Amino acid sequence: MEIQEECYSINEICRNFKTSQTTVYKMIRDKQIQAYKPERCRKIPKREFQQIVYEHY
């Protein structure tokens, strides 16, 4: 049995952190955050995203 890490969807990040989808996709493209696509939508590990927010803002 695999333990799944808690993740944000891109829409959750936009809504909770008041940012645009363009900004989130740019962060993924620039490899500032890691995202994976387990099903149909991209997922971003909560711990990793929170660390980026803490370091940069």
C-alpha atoms as a PDB file:
ATOM      1  CA  MET A   1       0.000   0.000   0.000  1.00  0.00           C
ATOM      2  CA  GLU A   2       1.406   3.362  -1.050  1.00  0.00           C
ATOM      3  CA  ILE A   3       1.101   6.426   1.194  1.00  0.00           C
ATOM      4  CA  GLN A   4       0.025   9.438  -0.801  1.00  0.00           C
ATOM      5  CA  GLU A   5       1.343  12.881   0.038  1.00  0.00           C
ATOM      6  CA  GLU A   6      -1.169  15.697   0.435  1.00  0.00           C
ATOM      7  CA  CYS A   7      -1.304  17.840  -2.675  1.00  0.00           C
ATOM      8  CA  TYR A   8      -2.821  21.004  -4.071  1.00  0.00           C
ATOM      9  CA  SER A   9      -4.443  21.255  -7.443  1.00  0.00           C
ATOM     10  CA  ILE A  10      -3.572  24.314  -9.489  1.00  0.00           C
ATOM     11  CA  ASN A  11      -7.068  25.705  -8.870  1.00  0.00           C
ATOM     12  CA  GLU A  12      -6.628  25.322  -5.104  1.00  0.00           C
ATOM     13  CA  ILE A  13      -3.349  27.220  -5.233  1.00  0.00           C
ATOM     14  CA  CYS A  14      -4.924  30.019  -7.267  1.00  0.00           C
ATOM     15  CA  ARG A  15      -7.892  30.297  -4.925  1.00  0.00           C
ATOM     16  CA  ASN A  16      -6.028  29.935  -1.597  1.00  0.00           C
ATOM     17  CA  PHE A  17      -2.944  31.977  -2.445  1.00  0.00           C
ATOM     18  CA  LYS A  18      -4.595  34.600  -4.667  1.00  0.00           C
ATOM     19  CA  THR A  19      -2.429  33.944  -7.698  1.00  0.00           C
ATOM     20  CA  SER A  20      -3.161  33.294 -11.358  1.00  0.00           C
ATOM     21  CA  GLN A  21      -2.950  30.020 -13.240  1.00  0.00           C
ATOM     22  CA  THR A  22      -0.375  31.652 -15.493  1.00  0.00           C
ATOM     23  CA  THR A  23       1.898  32.278 -12.513  1.00  0.00           C
ATOM     24  CA  VAL A  24       1.556  28.706 -11.244  1.00  0.00           C
ATOM     25  CA  TYR A  25       2.240  27.201 -14.669  1.00  0.00           C
ATOM     26  CA  LYS A  26       5.264  29.489 -15.052  1.00  0.00           C
ATOM     27  CA  MET A  27       6.590  28.291 -11.686  1.00  0.00           C
ATOM     28  CA  ILE A  28       6.185  24.694 -12.868  1.00  0.00           C
ATOM     29  CA  ARG A  29       7.816  25.424 -16.226  1.00  0.00           C
ATOM     30  CA  ASP A  30      10.737  27.228 -14.535  1.00  0.00           C
ATOM     31  CA  LYS A  31      11.092  24.260 -12.145  1.00  0.00           C
ATOM     32  CA  GLN A  32      10.470  26.413  -9.072  1.00  0.00           C
ATOM     33  CA  ILE A  33       7.873  23.876  -7.984  1.00  0.00           C
ATOM     34  CA  GLN A  34       7.456  20.255  -8.913  1.00  0.00           C
ATOM     35  CA  ALA A  35       4.132  19.032 -10.220  1.00  0.00           C
ATOM     36  CA  TYR A  36       2.969  15.635 -11.329  1.00  0.00           C
ATOM     37  CA  LYS A  37      -0.070  14.422 -13.167  1.00  0.00           C
ATOM     38  CA  PRO A  38      -1.506  11.301 -11.480  1.00  0.00           C
ATOM     39  CA  GLU A  39      -4.790  11.476 -13.376  1.00  0.00           C
ATOM     40  CA  ARG A  40      -6.217  14.293 -15.470  1.00  0.00           C
ATOM     41  CA  CYS A  41      -4.985  17.292 -13.497  1.00  0.00           C
ATOM     42  CA  ARG A  42      -1.628  18.377 -12.144  1.00  0.00           C
ATOM     43  CA  LYS A  43      -0.904  18.021  -8.449  1.00  0.00           C
ATOM     44  CA  ILE A  44       1.653  19.941  -6.415  1.00  0.00           C
ATOM     45  CA  PRO A  45       2.827  18.571  -3.062  1.00  0.00           C
ATOM     46  CA  LYS A  46       1.589  20.856  -0.256  1.00  0.00           C
ATOM     47  CA  ARG A  47       4.825  20.691   1.698  1.00  0.00           C
ATOM     48  CA  GLU A  48       6.909  21.740  -1.304  1.00  0.00           C
ATOM     49  CA  PHE A  49       4.631  24.616  -2.296  1.00  0.00           C
ATOM     50  CA  GLN A  50       4.410  25.937   1.267  1.00  0.00           C
ATOM     51  CA  GLN A  51       8.209  25.884   1.491  1.00  0.00           C
ATOM     52  CA  ILE A  52       8.484  27.961  -1.709  1.00  0.00           C
ATOM     53  CA  VAL A  53       5.939  30.472  -0.404  1.00  0.00           C
ATOM     54  CA  TYR A  54       7.781  30.712   2.924  1.00  0.00           C
ATOM     55  CA  GLU A  55      11.174  31.248   1.252  1.00  0.00           C
ATOM     56  CA  HIS A  56      10.054  33.824  -1.313  1.00  0.00           C
ATOM     57  CA  TYR A  57       7.294  35.765   0.388  1.00  0.00           C
END
